Amino acid sequence: MGSAPEQLLSALRTAKNRLEYLTRNDWALIIDRTQRLTFKKNEKLVEQGKPTKMLYLVAAGKVNVVVAQTPIARIGPGEICGEMAFLENSVPSATATAEDGVEAYALGWNVLEDLFELYPHLASRFYRSLAVILSRRLREQIAKGSSDDSDDLE
């Protein structure tokens, strides 16, 4: 890819659920090995149950994440998609669909694993960042569930 677009780097620094523990050097290593992709409205980045072996860094646009036709998240610039399947070395547990046009950078699992072998500290920062992202998402779901339950009591 050569040099990363400033739009992606800016999104990676400012997103709420970003890979926050990665350094500038980490990002340079990762982004250099990605492939820029564009997705049209309603096009799937990942599909529940279908192998992909790719992570996606969203640079522009919004992605709707759905499990069994139930919306669970909406991710945007600077956020990652496909991380749970990567962590579990499994198939995606959700479908991620472009809301409108989406620009994303794809990173193959094998490429990332090769980087981790070369740079173990990168792996540590990457996994720590994923843990924080997943923890925040779980807390958001719990909070959403609690507010839904209180609505039922009224």
C-alpha atoms as a PDB file:
ATOM      1  CA  MET A   1       0.000   0.000   0.000  1.00  0.00           C
ATOM      2  CA  GLY A   2       2.935   2.337   0.520  1.00  0.00           C
ATOM      3  CA  SER A   3       1.679   5.271   2.616  1.00  0.00           C
ATOM      4  CA  ALA A   4      -1.592   5.201   4.493  1.00  0.00           C
ATOM      5  CA  PRO A   5      -4.171   7.860   3.715  1.00  0.00           C
ATOM      6  CA  GLU A   6      -4.414  10.565   6.346  1.00  0.00           C
ATOM      7  CA  GLN A   7      -8.169   9.872   6.629  1.00  0.00           C
ATOM      8  CA  LEU A   8      -7.503   6.339   7.907  1.00  0.00           C
ATOM      9  CA  LEU A   9      -4.775   7.431  10.318  1.00  0.00           C
ATOM     10  CA  SER A  10      -6.993  10.185  11.700  1.00  0.00           C
ATOM     11  CA  ALA A  11      -9.880   7.733  12.177  1.00  0.00           C
ATOM     12  CA  LEU A  12      -7.589   5.231  13.884  1.00  0.00           C
ATOM     13  CA  ARG A  13      -6.506   7.886  16.403  1.00  0.00           C
ATOM     14  CA  THR A  14      -9.951   9.257  17.240  1.00  0.00           C
ATOM     15  CA  ALA A  15     -12.476   6.388  17.139  1.00  0.00           C
ATOM     16  CA  LYS A  16     -14.093   5.416  20.440  1.00  0.00           C
ATOM     17  CA  ASN A  17     -13.497   1.674  19.970  1.00  0.00           C
ATOM     18  CA  ARG A  18     -10.081   1.823  18.364  1.00  0.00           C
ATOM     19  CA  LEU A  19      -6.944  -0.243  18.802  1.00  0.00           C
ATOM     20  CA  GLU A  20      -5.725   2.308  21.313  1.00  0.00           C
ATOM     21  CA  TYR A  21      -2.547   0.639  22.570  1.00  0.00           C
ATOM     22  CA  LEU A  22      -0.891   0.448  19.159  1.00  0.00           C
ATOM     23  CA  THR A  23       1.969   2.853  18.512  1.00  0.00           C
ATOM     24  CA  ARG A  24       2.677   4.852  15.358  1.00  0.00           C
ATOM     25  CA  ASN A  25       5.284   2.251  14.418  1.00  0.00           C
ATOM     26  CA  ASP A  26       2.763  -0.558  14.969  1.00  0.00           C
ATOM     27  CA  TRP A  27       0.324   1.201  12.640  1.00  0.00           C
ATOM     28  CA  ALA A  28       3.016   1.712  10.016  1.00  0.00           C
ATOM     29  CA  LEU A  29       3.790  -2.020  10.069  1.00  0.00           C
ATOM     30  CA  ILE A  30       0.129  -3.017   9.891  1.00  0.00           C
ATOM     31  CA  ILE A  31      -1.146  -0.495   7.355  1.00  0.00           C
ATOM     32  CA  ASP A  32       1.729  -1.229   4.993  1.00  0.00           C
ATOM     33  CA  ARG A  33       0.385  -4.776   4.690  1.00  0.00           C
ATOM     34  CA  THR A  34      -3.288  -3.982   4.151  1.00  0.00           C
ATOM     35  CA  GLN A  35      -5.350  -3.832   0.990  1.00  0.00           C
ATOM     36  CA  ARG A  36      -7.763  -0.943   0.401  1.00  0.00           C
ATOM     37  CA  LEU A  37     -11.289  -2.103  -0.418  1.00  0.00           C
ATOM     38  CA  THR A  38     -14.553  -0.323  -1.050  1.00  0.00           C
ATOM     39  CA  PHE A  39     -17.979  -1.727  -0.257  1.00  0.00           C
ATOM     40  CA  LYS A  40     -21.220  -0.496  -1.767  1.00  0.00           C
ATOM     41  CA  LYS A  41     -24.435   0.010   0.194  1.00  0.00           C
ATOM     42  CA  ASN A  42     -25.659  -3.327   1.640  1.00  0.00           C
ATOM     43  CA  GLU A  43     -22.496  -5.163   0.569  1.00  0.00           C
ATOM     44  CA  LYS A  44     -21.171  -7.581   3.205  1.00  0.00           C
ATOM     45  CA  LEU A  45     -17.717  -7.240   4.697  1.00  0.00           C
ATOM     46  CA  VAL A  46     -18.173 -10.461   6.662  1.00  0.00           C
ATOM     47  CA  GLU A  47     -21.031 -12.940   6.773  1.00  0.00           C
ATOM     48  CA  GLN A  48     -22.082 -14.938   9.806  1.00  0.00           C
ATOM     49  CA  GLY A  49     -20.854 -18.525   9.541  1.00  0.00           C
ATOM     50  CA  LYS A  50     -18.783 -17.994   6.365  1.00  0.00           C
ATOM     51  CA  PRO A  51     -14.978 -18.195   6.617  1.00  0.00           C
ATOM     52  CA  THR A  52     -13.149 -14.987   5.800  1.00  0.00           C
ATOM     53  CA  LYS A  53      -9.666 -15.011   7.422  1.00  0.00           C
ATOM     54  CA  MET A  54      -9.607 -11.197   7.163  1.00  0.00           C
ATOM     55  CA  LEU A  55      -9.787  -8.270   9.550  1.00  0.00           C
ATOM     56  CA  TYR A  56     -11.143  -4.959   8.320  1.00  0.00           C
ATOM     57  CA  LEU A  57     -10.132  -1.500   9.504  1.00  0.00           C
ATOM     58  CA  VAL A  58     -12.940   0.889   8.622  1.00  0.00           C
ATOM     59  CA  ALA A  59     -11.604   4.140   7.147  1.00  0.00           C
ATOM     60  CA  ALA A  60     -14.862   5.781   6.046  1.00  0.00           C
ATOM     61  CA  GLY A  61     -18.555   5.004   6.299  1.00  0.00           C
ATOM     62  CA  LYS A  62     -20.655   2.987   8.725  1.00  0.00           C
ATOM     63  CA  VAL A  63     -21.017  -0.771   9.070  1.00  0.00           C
ATOM     64  CA  ASN A  64     -24.067  -2.446  10.593  1.00  0.00           C
ATOM     65  CA  VAL A  65     -23.381  -5.594  12.610  1.00  0.00           C
ATOM     66  CA  VAL A  66     -26.251  -8.069  12.874  1.00  0.00           C
ATOM     67  CA  VAL A  67     -26.634 -11.485  14.530  1.00  0.00           C
ATOM     68  CA  ALA A  68     -29.613 -13.593  13.456  1.00  0.00           C
ATOM     69  CA  GLN A  69     -31.364 -10.500  12.050  1.00  0.00           C
ATOM     70  CA  THR A  70     -30.871  -8.594  15.343  1.00  0.00           C
ATOM     71  CA  PRO A  71     -28.784  -5.411  15.090  1.00  0.00           C
ATOM     72  CA  ILE A  72     -26.056  -5.473  17.734  1.00  0.00           C
ATOM     73  CA  ALA A  73     -23.647  -2.716  16.717  1.00  0.00           C
ATOM     74  CA  ARG A  74     -22.852   0.038  14.283  1.00  0.00           C
ATOM     75  CA  ILE A  75     -19.170   0.643  13.692  1.00  0.00           C
ATOM     76  CA  GLY A  76     -17.446   3.471  11.895  1.00  0.00           C
ATOM     77  CA  PRO A  77     -14.122   4.984  10.940  1.00  0.00           C
ATOM     78  CA  GLY A  78     -11.184   3.796  13.010  1.00  0.00           C
ATOM     79  CA  GLU A  79     -12.946   0.659  14.220  1.00  0.00           C
ATOM     80  CA  ILE A  80     -12.186  -2.978  13.452  1.00  0.00           C
ATOM     81  CA  CYS A  81     -14.421  -5.682  12.045  1.00  0.00           C
ATOM     82  CA  GLY A  82     -13.880  -9.452  12.072  1.00  0.00           C
ATOM     83  CA  GLU A  83     -11.847  -9.478  15.280  1.00  0.00           C
ATOM     84  CA  MET A  84     -13.884 -12.116  17.127  1.00  0.00           C
ATOM     85  CA  ALA A  85     -13.433 -14.703  14.378  1.00  0.00           C
ATOM     86  CA  PHE A  86      -9.714 -13.866  14.360  1.00  0.00           C
ATOM     87  CA  LEU A  87      -9.415 -14.309  18.129  1.00  0.00           C
ATOM     88  CA  GLU A  88     -11.255 -17.626  18.070  1.00  0.00           C
ATOM     89  CA  ASN A  89      -9.738 -18.828  14.775  1.00  0.00           C
ATOM     90  CA  SER A  90     -13.285 -19.469  13.681  1.00  0.00           C
ATOM     91  CA  VAL A  91     -15.992 -18.200  11.373  1.00  0.00           C
ATOM     92  CA  PRO A  92     -17.696 -14.839  11.948  1.00  0.00           C
ATOM     93  CA  SER A  93     -20.430 -14.839  14.578  1.00  0.00           C
ATOM     94  CA  ALA A  94     -22.174 -11.866  12.937  1.00  0.00           C
ATOM     95  CA  THR A  95     -22.797 -10.298   9.562  1.00  0.00           C
ATOM     96  CA  ALA A  96     -21.257  -6.884   8.916  1.00  0.00           C
ATOM     97  CA  THR A  97     -22.867  -4.900   6.107  1.00  0.00           C
ATOM     98  CA  ALA A  98     -21.990  -1.529   4.612  1.00  0.00           C
ATOM     99  CA  GLU A  99     -24.664   0.994   5.545  1.00  0.00           C
ATOM    100  CA  ASP A 100     -23.768   3.182   2.582  1.00  0.00           C
ATOM    101  CA  GLY A 101     -20.417   3.312   0.861  1.00  0.00           C
ATOM    102  CA  VAL A 102     -17.586   2.029   3.063  1.00  0.00           C
ATOM    103  CA  GLU A 103     -13.839   2.261   2.615  1.00  0.00           C
ATOM    104  CA  ALA A 104     -11.939  -0.342   4.585  1.00  0.00           C
ATOM    105  CA  TYR A 105      -8.469  -1.811   4.740  1.00  0.00           C
ATOM    106  CA  ALA A 106      -8.297  -5.601   4.775  1.00  0.00           C
ATOM    107  CA  LEU A 107      -5.598  -7.469   6.650  1.00  0.00           C
ATOM    108  CA  GLY A 108      -5.168 -11.215   6.301  1.00  0.00           C
ATOM    109  CA  TRP A 109      -4.899 -13.215   9.503  1.00  0.00           C
ATOM    110  CA  ASN A 110      -1.720 -14.903   8.278  1.00  0.00           C
ATOM    111  CA  VAL A 111      -0.111 -11.519   7.577  1.00  0.00           C
ATOM    112  CA  LEU A 112      -0.962 -10.307  11.073  1.00  0.00           C
ATOM    113  CA  GLU A 113       0.326 -13.522  12.655  1.00  0.00           C
ATOM    114  CA  ASP A 114       3.583 -13.158  10.722  1.00  0.00           C
ATOM    115  CA  LEU A 115       3.927  -9.621  12.100  1.00  0.00           C
ATOM    116  CA  PHE A 116       3.326 -10.921  15.615  1.00  0.00           C
ATOM    117  CA  GLU A 117       6.144 -13.451  15.220  1.00  0.00           C
ATOM    118  CA  LEU A 118       8.519 -10.717  14.103  1.00  0.00           C
ATOM    119  CA  TYR A 119       7.305  -8.144  16.655  1.00  0.00           C
ATOM    120  CA  PRO A 120       5.983  -9.836  19.827  1.00  0.00           C
ATOM    121  CA  HIS A 121       5.357  -6.490  21.547  1.00  0.00           C
ATOM    122  CA  LEU A 122       3.050  -5.538  18.681  1.00  0.00           C
ATOM    123  CA  ALA A 123       1.046  -8.683  19.401  1.00  0.00           C
ATOM    124  CA  SER A 124       0.780  -7.774  23.069  1.00  0.00           C
ATOM    125  CA  ARG A 125      -0.490  -4.265  22.299  1.00  0.00           C
ATOM    126  CA  PHE A 126      -2.853  -5.547  19.615  1.00  0.00           C
ATOM    127  CA  TYR A 127      -4.463  -8.195  21.843  1.00  0.00           C
ATOM    128  CA  ARG A 128      -4.739  -5.761  24.751  1.00  0.00           C
ATOM    129  CA  SER A 129      -6.501  -3.291  22.468  1.00  0.00           C
ATOM    130  CA  LEU A 130      -8.920  -5.986  21.281  1.00  0.00           C
ATOM    131  CA  ALA A 131      -9.666  -6.961  24.886  1.00  0.00           C
ATOM    132  CA  VAL A 132     -10.594  -3.370  25.737  1.00  0.00           C
ATOM    133  CA  ILE A 133     -12.765  -3.030  22.614  1.00  0.00           C
ATOM    134  CA  LEU A 134     -14.651  -6.235  23.392  1.00  0.00           C
ATOM    135  CA  SER A 135     -15.069  -5.249  27.041  1.00  0.00           C
ATOM    136  CA  ARG A 136     -16.541  -1.873  26.026  1.00  0.00           C
ATOM    137  CA  ARG A 137     -18.898  -3.497  23.545  1.00  0.00           C
ATOM    138  CA  LEU A 138     -20.084  -5.948  26.185  1.00  0.00           C
ATOM    139  CA  ARG A 139     -20.675  -3.129  28.669  1.00  0.00           C
ATOM    140  CA  GLU A 140     -22.659  -1.236  26.026  1.00  0.00           C
ATOM    141  CA  GLN A 141     -24.812  -4.303  25.365  1.00  0.00           C
ATOM    142  CA  ILE A 142     -25.387  -4.835  29.094  1.00  0.00           C
ATOM    143  CA  ALA A 143     -26.361  -1.185  29.530  1.00  0.00           C
ATOM    144  CA  LYS A 144     -28.669  -1.391  26.522  1.00  0.00           C
ATOM    145  CA  GLY A 145     -30.226  -4.587  27.896  1.00  0.00           C
ATOM    146  CA  SER A 146     -30.720  -3.016  31.330  1.00  0.00           C
ATOM    147  CA  SER A 147     -32.489  -0.005  29.852  1.00  0.00           C
ATOM    148  CA  ASP A 148     -34.679  -2.307  27.715  1.00  0.00           C
ATOM    149  CA  ASP A 149     -35.603  -4.345  30.821  1.00  0.00           C
ATOM    150  CA  SER A 150     -36.548  -1.233  32.789  1.00  0.00           C
ATOM    151  CA  ASP A 151     -38.837  -0.180  29.929  1.00  0.00           C
ATOM    152  CA  ASP A 152     -40.680  -3.494  30.276  1.00  0.00           C
ATOM    153  CA  LEU A 153     -41.315  -2.846  33.959  1.00  0.00           C
ATOM    154  CA  GLU A 154     -43.188   0.382  33.361  1.00  0.00           C
END
